[in-house]
Amino acid sequence: MKIIKILPSFEHTLKKLSHIDKEKVKKALNNINKFLTDGTLPAGLGFKKINKNKYEIRVDIRLRIILKLEQDILYLVLVGNHKDIISYLRKYR
């Protein structure tokens, strides 16, 4: 069983989003929770591995969520557009 923890960086970037985008993030996180509980990956989630312990899921055409997996803990790291994700990955490889 995986434990999900929210990092302050995720909360900070989430606060900047509009109400509509926050609802989309909520739906994507519910899909990830479903994936973790029963193993079915919903279509359109775009779950992919970025590097050794970081993953990305698609919220919509422009928003992505970065996840970091360490042992049995899944950290919600960042929500942002492609530019935000690239900037993060350059800083924290």
Protein backbone atom coordinates (compact mmCIF):
# COMPACT_ATOMS: atom_id res chain seq x y z
CA MET A 1 0.00 0.00 0.00
CA LYS A 2 1.32 3.42 -0.98
CA ILE A 3 1.11 6.49 1.23
CA ILE A 4 0.49 9.81 -0.51
CA LYS A 5 2.12 12.91 0.94
CA ILE A 6 1.66 16.47 -0.27
CA LEU A 7 4.76 18.62 -0.37
CA PRO A 8 4.62 22.38 0.30
CA SER A 9 5.79 22.99 -3.28
CA PHE A 10 2.65 21.23 -4.55
CA GLU A 11 0.38 23.26 -2.26
CA HIS A 12 2.11 26.48 -3.33
CA THR A 13 1.67 25.80 -7.06
CA LEU A 14 -1.89 24.57 -6.56
CA LYS A 15 -2.90 27.84 -4.87
CA LYS A 16 -1.93 29.75 -8.02
CA LEU A 17 -4.43 27.85 -10.19
CA SER A 18 -7.93 28.92 -11.09
CA HIS A 19 -10.95 27.18 -9.55
CA ILE A 20 -11.57 25.27 -12.81
CA ASP A 21 -7.96 24.05 -12.94
CA LYS A 22 -8.12 23.00 -9.28
CA GLU A 23 -11.17 20.85 -10.10
CA LYS A 24 -9.24 19.24 -12.97
CA VAL A 25 -6.33 18.50 -10.61
CA LYS A 26 -8.76 16.96 -8.13
CA LYS A 27 -10.13 14.67 -10.84
CA ALA A 28 -6.61 13.64 -11.93
CA LEU A 29 -5.65 12.87 -8.33
CA ASN A 30 -8.78 10.77 -7.92
CA ASN A 31 -7.71 8.83 -11.03
CA ILE A 32 -4.23 8.28 -9.55
CA ASN A 33 -5.83 7.07 -6.31
CA LYS A 34 -7.95 4.63 -8.31
CA PHE A 35 -4.82 3.44 -10.10
CA LEU A 36 -3.03 2.87 -6.79
CA THR A 37 -5.95 1.02 -5.20
CA ASP A 38 -7.13 -1.28 -7.97
CA GLY A 39 -4.37 -1.13 -10.59
CA THR A 40 -6.46 0.15 -13.50
CA LEU A 41 -4.90 3.06 -15.32
CA PRO A 42 -7.61 5.41 -16.64
CA ALA A 43 -7.27 6.41 -20.29
CA GLY A 44 -5.96 9.92 -20.85
CA LEU A 45 -4.04 10.14 -17.58
CA GLY A 46 -0.72 10.10 -19.43
CA PHE A 47 1.15 8.47 -16.57
CA LYS A 48 4.83 8.26 -17.50
CA LYS A 49 8.22 7.89 -15.87
CA ILE A 50 10.48 10.93 -16.19
CA ASN A 51 13.60 9.63 -14.46
CA LYS A 52 14.55 7.09 -11.81
CA ASN A 53 11.94 8.10 -9.19
CA LYS A 54 9.90 10.91 -10.75
CA TYR A 55 6.68 10.50 -12.70
CA GLU A 56 4.31 12.79 -14.55
CA ILE A 57 0.56 12.67 -15.00
CA ARG A 58 -1.52 14.76 -17.35
CA VAL A 59 -4.24 16.97 -15.88
CA ASP A 60 -5.23 18.48 -19.23
CA ILE A 61 -3.54 19.65 -22.42
CA ARG A 62 -1.36 22.16 -20.56
CA LEU A 63 -1.23 21.12 -16.88
CA ARG A 64 0.91 18.33 -15.45
CA ILE A 65 1.57 16.93 -11.99
CA ILE A 66 5.00 15.70 -10.90
CA LEU A 67 5.07 12.76 -8.50
CA LYS A 68 8.09 11.38 -6.68
CA LEU A 69 8.18 7.79 -5.47
CA GLU A 70 10.41 6.81 -2.55
CA GLN A 71 9.84 3.32 -1.17
CA ASP A 72 6.11 3.20 -0.30
CA ILE A 73 5.59 6.97 -0.24
CA LEU A 74 4.26 8.85 -3.25
CA TYR A 75 4.97 12.57 -2.97
CA LEU A 76 2.92 15.17 -4.81
CA VAL A 77 5.69 17.57 -5.83
CA LEU A 78 4.41 20.12 -8.32
CA VAL A 79 1.52 21.06 -10.54
CA GLY A 80 2.21 23.33 -13.48
CA ASN A 81 2.59 23.80 -17.19
CA HIS A 82 5.33 22.35 -19.39
CA LYS A 83 7.67 25.27 -18.66
CA ASP A 84 7.27 24.79 -14.87
CA ILE A 85 7.99 21.07 -15.19
CA ILE A 86 11.13 21.59 -17.29
CA SER A 87 12.39 24.22 -14.83
CA TYR A 88 11.83 21.84 -11.90
CA LEU A 89 13.57 18.95 -13.64
CA ARG A 90 16.61 21.08 -14.47
CA LYS A 91 16.89 22.10 -10.84
CA TYR A 92 16.21 18.65 -9.28
CA ARG A 93 17.54 15.90 -11.51
